[in-house]
Protein backbone atom coordinates (compact mmCIF):
# COMPACT_ATOMS: atom_id res chain seq x y z
CA MET A 1 -27.77 -126.16 7.52
CA THR A 2 -24.84 -128.82 7.71
CA ALA A 3 -21.25 -127.97 8.28
CA SER A 4 -20.89 -129.20 4.48
CA GLU A 5 -23.67 -127.50 3.05
CA THR A 6 -22.70 -124.02 4.80
CA LEU A 7 -19.49 -124.90 3.57
CA ARG A 8 -20.59 -125.14 0.06
CA ARG A 9 -22.18 -122.11 0.12
CA GLU A 10 -19.60 -119.97 1.12
CA SER A 11 -17.16 -121.50 -1.20
CA LYS A 12 -20.39 -120.35 -3.97
CA GLU A 13 -20.24 -117.00 -2.80
CA ALA A 14 -16.44 -116.16 -2.63
CA ARG A 15 -16.58 -117.20 -6.32
CA VAL A 16 -19.67 -114.94 -7.37
CA VAL A 17 -18.16 -112.42 -10.09
CA VAL A 18 -22.14 -110.57 -10.66
CA SER A 19 -24.96 -110.31 -8.72
CA VAL A 20 -28.23 -109.79 -10.29
CA ILE A 21 -30.63 -107.71 -8.67
CA VAL A 22 -34.49 -107.77 -10.55
CA PRO A 23 -37.12 -106.00 -8.52
CA ALA A 24 -40.35 -107.19 -9.49
CA ARG A 25 -44.02 -105.31 -8.75
CA ASN A 26 -46.39 -107.34 -10.68
CA GLU A 27 -44.99 -108.24 -13.77
CA GLU A 28 -46.05 -111.21 -14.50
CA ALA A 29 -46.47 -110.91 -18.27
CA SER A 30 -42.40 -111.05 -18.73
CA LEU A 31 -40.79 -111.89 -15.62
CA GLY A 32 -40.64 -115.43 -16.52
CA THR A 33 -39.01 -114.98 -20.09
CA CYS A 34 -36.52 -112.47 -17.92
CA LEU A 35 -35.21 -115.25 -15.72
CA GLU A 36 -34.58 -117.71 -18.56
CA SER A 37 -32.66 -115.30 -20.44
CA LEU A 38 -30.65 -114.87 -17.36
CA VAL A 39 -29.95 -118.42 -16.00
CA SER A 40 -28.43 -119.35 -19.41
CA GLN A 41 -25.93 -116.99 -19.34
CA LYS A 42 -22.29 -118.07 -19.42
CA GLY A 43 -18.80 -117.54 -19.26
CA VAL A 44 -19.18 -115.36 -15.74
CA ASN A 45 -20.49 -117.07 -12.22
CA PHE A 46 -23.28 -115.17 -10.84
CA GLU A 47 -26.40 -115.24 -9.02
CA VAL A 48 -30.09 -113.71 -9.62
CA LEU A 49 -31.94 -111.91 -6.71
CA ILE A 50 -35.64 -111.59 -7.67
CA VAL A 51 -36.73 -108.68 -4.90
CA ASP A 52 -41.00 -109.40 -5.03
CA ASP A 53 -42.12 -106.08 -4.36
CA HIS A 54 -45.31 -106.66 -2.57
CA SER A 55 -47.01 -107.74 -5.59
CA THR A 56 -50.43 -108.60 -6.28
CA ASP A 57 -50.24 -111.13 -9.17
CA ARG A 58 -48.22 -114.08 -10.06
CA THR A 59 -45.15 -112.39 -9.87
CA TYR A 60 -43.63 -114.54 -6.65
CA GLU A 61 -45.21 -117.98 -7.81
CA ILE A 62 -43.66 -117.53 -11.09
CA ALA A 63 -40.20 -116.61 -9.03
CA ALA A 64 -40.26 -118.99 -6.78
CA SER A 65 -41.39 -121.82 -9.30
CA MET A 66 -37.95 -120.40 -11.28
CA ALA A 67 -35.50 -120.41 -8.02
CA SER A 68 -36.71 -124.35 -7.35
CA ALA A 69 -35.91 -124.69 -10.78
CA HIS A 70 -32.62 -123.12 -10.43
CA PRO A 71 -31.69 -123.62 -6.66
CA ASP A 72 -28.05 -122.71 -6.97
CA LYS A 73 -28.54 -119.68 -9.37
CA LEU A 74 -32.00 -117.51 -8.07
CA ARG A 75 -33.09 -116.58 -4.94
CA VAL A 76 -36.39 -114.91 -4.36
CA ILE A 77 -36.18 -112.05 -1.42
CA GLU A 78 -39.34 -110.31 -0.13
CA ALA A 79 -38.91 -106.37 -0.40
CA GLY A 80 -39.32 -105.16 3.40
CA PRO A 81 -41.67 -101.89 3.81
CA LEU A 82 -41.71 -98.76 2.45
CA PRO A 83 -39.47 -96.30 4.46
CA ALA A 84 -40.40 -92.98 4.44
CA GLY A 85 -38.98 -90.76 1.24
CA TRP A 86 -38.28 -94.03 -0.58
CA THR A 87 -39.74 -94.99 -3.95
CA GLY A 88 -40.74 -98.64 -4.18
CA LYS A 89 -37.96 -99.36 -6.78
CA ASN A 90 -34.71 -98.11 -4.53
CA ASN A 91 -36.32 -100.36 -1.86
CA ALA A 92 -36.67 -103.04 -3.84
CA LEU A 93 -33.12 -102.31 -5.17
CA LEU A 94 -31.26 -102.02 -2.29
CA THR A 95 -33.00 -105.16 -0.62
CA GLY A 96 -31.37 -106.97 -3.40
CA PHE A 97 -28.17 -105.59 -2.79
CA ARG A 98 -28.02 -106.32 1.02
CA GLU A 99 -28.46 -110.29 -0.07
CA ALA A 100 -25.81 -110.23 -2.94
CA HIS A 101 -22.34 -111.60 -2.71
CA GLY A 102 -20.55 -110.37 -6.50
CA GLU A 103 -17.95 -107.78 -6.77
CA TRP A 104 -20.69 -106.41 -9.34
CA LEU A 105 -24.02 -105.33 -9.43
CA LEU A 106 -26.28 -105.95 -12.13
CA PHE A 107 -29.67 -104.08 -11.59
CA THR A 108 -32.02 -104.85 -14.28
CA ASP A 109 -35.86 -104.88 -14.91
CA ALA A 110 -38.40 -107.89 -15.11
CA ASP A 111 -39.09 -106.66 -18.73
CA THR A 112 -35.95 -107.30 -20.13
CA VAL A 113 -34.58 -110.17 -22.01
CA HIS A 114 -30.98 -110.97 -21.74
CA HIS A 115 -28.99 -112.19 -25.21
CA PRO A 116 -26.69 -115.38 -24.83
CA GLY A 117 -23.20 -114.45 -23.45
CA SER A 118 -24.40 -110.80 -22.53
CA LEU A 119 -23.51 -110.89 -19.06
CA ALA A 120 -19.96 -111.76 -19.54
CA ARG A 121 -19.47 -109.24 -22.60
CA ALA A 122 -20.85 -106.07 -20.47
CA VAL A 123 -18.81 -107.19 -17.17
CA ASN A 124 -15.54 -107.44 -19.59
CA GLU A 125 -16.46 -104.44 -21.50
CA ALA A 126 -17.11 -102.11 -18.05
CA ARG A 127 -13.19 -103.76 -17.26
CA GLU A 128 -11.96 -103.08 -20.48
CA HIS A 129 -13.43 -98.87 -20.32
CA ARG A 130 -11.82 -99.28 -16.85
CA ALA A 131 -16.31 -97.81 -15.95
CA ASP A 132 -17.22 -97.51 -12.57
CA LEU A 133 -20.92 -98.05 -13.73
CA LEU A 134 -21.82 -98.98 -17.35
CA SER A 135 -25.40 -98.69 -18.78
CA TYR A 136 -26.99 -100.45 -21.37
CA SER A 137 -30.30 -98.87 -23.29
CA PRO A 138 -31.81 -101.94 -24.83
CA GLU A 139 -33.66 -102.34 -27.96
CA GLN A 140 -37.08 -101.56 -27.44
CA ILE A 141 -39.74 -103.68 -28.97
CA ALA A 142 -43.03 -101.92 -29.99
CA VAL A 143 -45.83 -104.24 -30.99
CA THR A 144 -48.33 -101.96 -30.43
CA PHE A 145 -50.04 -99.09 -32.52
CA TRP A 146 -49.07 -96.32 -29.76
CA GLU A 147 -45.75 -97.99 -28.78
CA MET A 148 -44.63 -97.70 -32.56
CA ALA A 149 -45.89 -94.18 -33.00
CA VAL A 150 -44.72 -92.98 -29.73
CA LEU A 151 -41.10 -95.04 -28.75
CA PRO A 152 -39.06 -93.65 -31.77
CA VAL A 153 -39.97 -89.79 -30.71
CA VAL A 154 -39.56 -90.81 -26.82
CA PHE A 155 -35.83 -92.32 -27.39
CA ALA A 156 -35.08 -89.32 -30.63
CA GLU A 157 -35.18 -86.77 -28.02
CA LEU A 158 -33.56 -88.79 -24.99
CA ALA A 159 -30.73 -89.10 -27.43
CA ARG A 160 -30.50 -85.66 -28.23
CA GLU A 161 -31.19 -84.63 -24.75
CA TYR A 162 -28.22 -87.44 -23.57
CA PRO A 163 -25.75 -88.19 -25.91
CA PRO A 164 -24.01 -90.98 -25.35
CA ALA A 165 -20.87 -89.52 -25.93
CA LYS A 166 -21.22 -86.57 -23.66
CA VAL A 167 -22.63 -89.14 -20.85
CA ARG A 168 -18.98 -91.06 -21.43
CA ASP A 169 -17.04 -87.25 -21.40
CA PRO A 170 -15.73 -87.44 -17.69
CA GLU A 171 -15.72 -83.37 -17.95
CA SER A 172 -19.13 -83.39 -19.60
CA PRO A 173 -21.73 -82.27 -16.37
CA ILE A 174 -24.48 -84.49 -18.70
CA ALA A 175 -24.75 -87.87 -16.70
CA ALA A 176 -27.65 -90.65 -17.85
CA ALA A 177 -28.48 -94.20 -16.72
CA ASN A 178 -31.12 -96.36 -17.93
CA GLY A 179 -32.47 -98.44 -15.28
CA GLN A 180 -33.01 -101.32 -16.97
CA TYR A 181 -29.15 -102.36 -17.23
CA ILE A 182 -27.27 -101.00 -15.05
CA LEU A 183 -23.68 -102.83 -13.89
CA VAL A 184 -21.80 -101.27 -11.45
CA LYS A 185 -18.75 -101.63 -9.14
CA ARG A 186 -19.78 -102.87 -6.06
CA GLU A 187 -16.93 -100.81 -4.37
CA ALA A 188 -17.83 -97.68 -6.37
CA TYR A 189 -21.84 -98.42 -5.36
CA ASP A 190 -20.58 -98.56 -1.70
CA ALA A 191 -18.73 -95.56 -1.72
CA VAL A 192 -21.50 -93.33 -2.54
CA GLY A 193 -24.19 -94.70 -1.02
CA GLY A 194 -25.86 -96.79 -3.28
CA HIS A 195 -29.58 -96.39 -3.85
CA ALA A 196 -30.07 -94.96 -0.79
CA ALA A 197 -28.17 -91.81 -1.59
CA VAL A 198 -31.57 -91.46 -4.43
CA ALA A 199 -33.77 -92.85 -2.00
CA GLY A 200 -36.83 -90.40 -2.92
CA GLU A 201 -35.82 -90.42 -6.67
CA ILE A 202 -38.59 -91.27 -9.49
CA LEU A 203 -36.01 -91.33 -11.89
CA GLU A 204 -33.49 -93.22 -10.14
CA ASP A 205 -31.38 -94.31 -12.62
CA VAL A 206 -30.28 -90.79 -14.13
CA ALA A 207 -30.03 -89.86 -10.54
CA LEU A 208 -27.52 -92.76 -9.72
CA ALA A 209 -25.32 -91.49 -12.84
CA ARG A 210 -24.82 -88.29 -11.70
CA VAL A 211 -23.75 -89.30 -8.02
CA MET A 212 -21.25 -91.29 -9.89
CA LYS A 213 -20.10 -88.67 -12.25
CA PHE A 214 -20.13 -85.88 -9.51
CA THR A 215 -17.93 -88.17 -7.36
CA ARG A 216 -15.39 -89.08 -10.54
CA ARG A 217 -16.24 -92.37 -11.43
CA LYS A 218 -16.46 -93.12 -14.36
CA VAL A 219 -19.72 -93.45 -16.45
CA ARG A 220 -20.28 -95.62 -19.53
CA PHE A 221 -23.57 -95.52 -21.57
CA ARG A 222 -24.53 -96.77 -25.15
CA TYR A 223 -27.13 -98.00 -26.90
CA ALA A 224 -26.58 -102.16 -27.03
CA ALA A 225 -29.21 -103.71 -28.84
CA ASP A 226 -26.13 -106.60 -29.01
CA ALA A 227 -27.29 -107.41 -24.91
CA VAL A 228 -30.49 -106.40 -24.60
CA ARG A 229 -34.12 -105.75 -25.01
CA THR A 230 -37.19 -104.64 -23.60
CA ARG A 231 -41.10 -103.93 -24.52
CA MET A 232 -41.35 -101.25 -21.41
CA TYR A 233 -45.19 -100.88 -21.49
CA ARG A 234 -48.46 -103.23 -23.28
CA ASN A 235 -51.08 -101.23 -23.59
CA LEU A 236 -51.82 -97.58 -24.35
CA ARG A 237 -52.50 -97.06 -20.85
CA GLN A 238 -49.25 -98.48 -19.61
CA LEU A 239 -47.75 -96.10 -22.10
CA ARG A 240 -49.51 -93.03 -20.57
CA ASP A 241 -48.73 -93.46 -17.19
CA GLY A 242 -44.65 -94.32 -17.55
CA TRP A 243 -44.26 -91.25 -19.46
CA THR A 244 -46.40 -89.42 -17.52
CA LYS A 245 -44.65 -90.47 -14.54
CA ASN A 246 -40.85 -90.04 -16.39
CA LEU A 247 -40.71 -87.23 -18.94
CA ALA A 248 -41.01 -83.80 -17.10
CA LEU A 249 -38.22 -85.25 -15.48
CA LEU A 250 -36.14 -86.12 -18.23
CA PHE A 251 -36.21 -83.00 -19.94
CA PRO A 252 -35.95 -79.67 -18.20
CA ARG A 253 -38.30 -78.03 -20.28
CA PRO A 254 -40.96 -80.04 -21.02
CA GLY A 255 -43.66 -77.31 -21.69
CA TRP A 256 -41.37 -75.63 -24.16
CA LEU A 257 -40.56 -79.12 -25.85
CA ALA A 258 -44.07 -79.82 -26.33
CA VAL A 259 -44.67 -76.70 -28.59
CA LYS A 260 -41.59 -77.17 -30.83
CA THR A 261 -42.43 -81.02 -31.51
CA ILE A 262 -46.13 -79.45 -32.06
CA VAL A 263 -44.71 -76.50 -34.39
CA LEU A 264 -41.90 -78.98 -36.02
CA TRP A 265 -44.50 -81.46 -37.13
CA ALA A 266 -47.20 -79.22 -38.37
CA LEU A 267 -44.87 -77.25 -40.51
CA PRO A 268 -45.34 -79.43 -43.37
CA TRP A 269 -48.97 -79.89 -43.14
CA VAL A 270 -49.41 -75.87 -42.53
CA VAL A 271 -47.45 -75.35 -45.79
CA ALA A 272 -49.67 -78.36 -47.79
CA LEU A 273 -53.16 -76.21 -46.72
CA ILE A 274 -51.72 -73.07 -47.65
CA GLN A 275 -50.79 -74.51 -51.06
CA ARG A 276 -54.33 -76.12 -51.05
CA LEU A 277 -56.14 -72.97 -50.77
CA LEU A 278 -53.80 -71.28 -53.38
CA SER A 279 -54.06 -74.30 -56.25
CA SER A 280 -55.88 -77.37 -56.94
CA ARG A 281 -53.05 -78.99 -58.32
CA ARG A 282 -51.54 -82.47 -56.92
CA TRP A 283 -50.71 -80.59 -53.56
CA TRP A 284 -50.82 -83.76 -51.40
CA TRP A 285 -48.25 -84.50 -53.58
CA SER A 286 -45.98 -81.29 -52.94
CA PRO A 287 -42.14 -81.56 -52.63
CA VAL A 288 -42.44 -79.82 -49.01
CA ILE A 289 -44.93 -82.35 -47.57
CA VAL A 290 -42.84 -85.00 -48.91
CA SER A 291 -38.92 -83.25 -47.62
CA GLY A 292 -41.20 -82.27 -44.75
CA VAL A 293 -42.29 -85.69 -43.45
CA LEU A 294 -38.74 -87.18 -44.41
CA TRP A 295 -36.80 -84.59 -42.63
CA LEU A 296 -38.93 -85.26 -39.54
CA ALA A 297 -38.21 -89.11 -39.95
CA TRP A 298 -34.55 -88.17 -40.20
CA ARG A 299 -34.06 -86.15 -36.91
CA LEU A 300 -36.28 -89.43 -35.40
CA LYS A 301 -33.24 -91.83 -37.07
CA ARG A 302 -31.23 -91.84 -33.79
CA ALA A 303 -34.06 -94.17 -31.76
CA ASN A 304 -32.88 -97.24 -33.37
CA PHE A 305 -36.07 -98.34 -34.87
CA ASN A 306 -36.98 -99.52 -38.10
CA SER A 307 -37.61 -96.91 -41.00
CA ASN A 308 -41.65 -98.17 -41.12
CA HIS A 309 -41.88 -96.88 -36.78
CA THR A 310 -40.12 -94.23 -37.76
CA LEU A 311 -42.09 -92.80 -40.58
CA LEU A 312 -45.35 -93.59 -38.44
CA ALA A 313 -43.74 -91.45 -35.34
CA ALA A 314 -43.18 -88.54 -38.33
CA PHE A 315 -46.54 -88.44 -39.29
CA LEU A 316 -48.51 -89.29 -35.80
CA GLY A 317 -46.33 -89.88 -32.92
CA MET A 318 -45.16 -86.08 -32.18
CA PRO A 319 -48.44 -85.06 -31.48
CA MET A 320 -48.54 -87.64 -28.71
CA PHE A 321 -45.77 -87.36 -27.17
CA ALA A 322 -46.48 -83.44 -27.10
CA TYR A 323 -49.28 -84.20 -25.24
CA LEU A 324 -47.74 -87.07 -23.14
CA LEU A 325 -44.62 -83.57 -22.13
CA LEU A 326 -47.81 -81.77 -21.11
CA ARG A 327 -49.34 -84.44 -19.63
CA SER A 328 -45.87 -85.18 -17.24
CA LYS A 329 -45.65 -81.73 -16.31
CA ARG A 330 -49.03 -81.17 -15.15
CA ALA A 331 -48.61 -84.30 -13.00
CA HIS A 332 -45.72 -83.37 -11.13
CA ALA A 333 -46.84 -79.32 -10.86
CA LYS A 334 -49.62 -80.64 -9.17
CA GLY A 335 -46.95 -82.71 -6.60
CA SER A 336 -47.64 -86.37 -7.56
CA VAL A 337 -47.79 -89.34 -9.83
CA SER A 338 -49.41 -92.40 -9.68
CA TRP A 339 -47.33 -95.56 -10.57
CA LYS A 340 -48.50 -99.66 -10.43
CA GLY A 341 -50.58 -98.78 -7.30
CA ARG A 342 -48.61 -95.95 -5.53
CA ALA A 343 -48.77 -92.52 -5.56
CA TYR A 344 -45.68 -90.32 -5.25
CA SER A 345 -44.59 -86.87 -4.07
CA ASP A 346 -42.99 -84.63 -6.64
CA LYS A 347 -40.22 -84.40 -3.75
CA GLY A 348 -39.79 -87.92 -3.59
CA GLY A 349 -41.18 -90.66 -1.55
CA LEU A 350 -44.63 -92.80 -1.13
CA LEU A 351 -48.26 -90.69 -0.64
CA ALA A 352 -50.26 -93.46 -0.77
CA THR A 353 -50.57 -97.10 -1.43
CA GLY A 354 -52.28 -100.42 -0.37
CA ARG A 355 -49.01 -101.61 0.81
């Protein structure tokens, strides 16, 4: 590199406000769209670092092609060998951080799509509210039957377990963040130890938010359909394995929550059955059934899905959610969970992987 090229690079690095770090392991289906939405951002100086986490599909080729087309904005980095006790995502995120130059760090997943101007608005929001960590819960895109049925239940219960107002309250012990979008001040991230402080955590997003809150740093969390959207899982197997990995960690009493969910779901149908046994009249139009289903749908409205998805979730999503809770509890009780070809110990760290 010539002296003038070195000078230009150092000048660019000095102007970087946000370093966007995208960990990617076998993300060929979504990475291109994600990167297109990132490189088109306006209103703030930024760089995008794609960290290829030992992908076995076309992830690296897609990232390299995008970086070649946008050399002033994108760089591709390869994650190094996984240290003992670390999860793959945490290792990839820290790899990206070590190459980052921004005063703000945006950790975002490869299955996200960012609305025009959202990056600049997020930085302004974090500054306005003096937040050390700003996390957005993206709009969730549901396409397949089970996505539409299950996601409203999951996110309604998450909103109940982690109310954004409580997360934002510095006096509340409740802490949460969504790893699909975490904007954090570099100084604060460094001070708490970054992802090295949560190296073995499968739910690194919630763990990082807890560290921030514990050290009296300000956390801001909200639903942000105005900024980012995502499609987390593209088929039933991905949905099953993803929530098996996460649900028992997100909810402190998954078994009890599964029982409560089934009881709430079954109650209108049990009443309907009793009415059917007692009378042959139009039992399916029973006010109990109608009001019961509508009440269940009302409980799910906080998940921010449309009415059709909410009603489908009230009819069929709740039993599936209960099953996934129990499946997750069992997997963690056995001491290991699997995701993208890696098996992790429930106590943190890698058990088995191809790489």
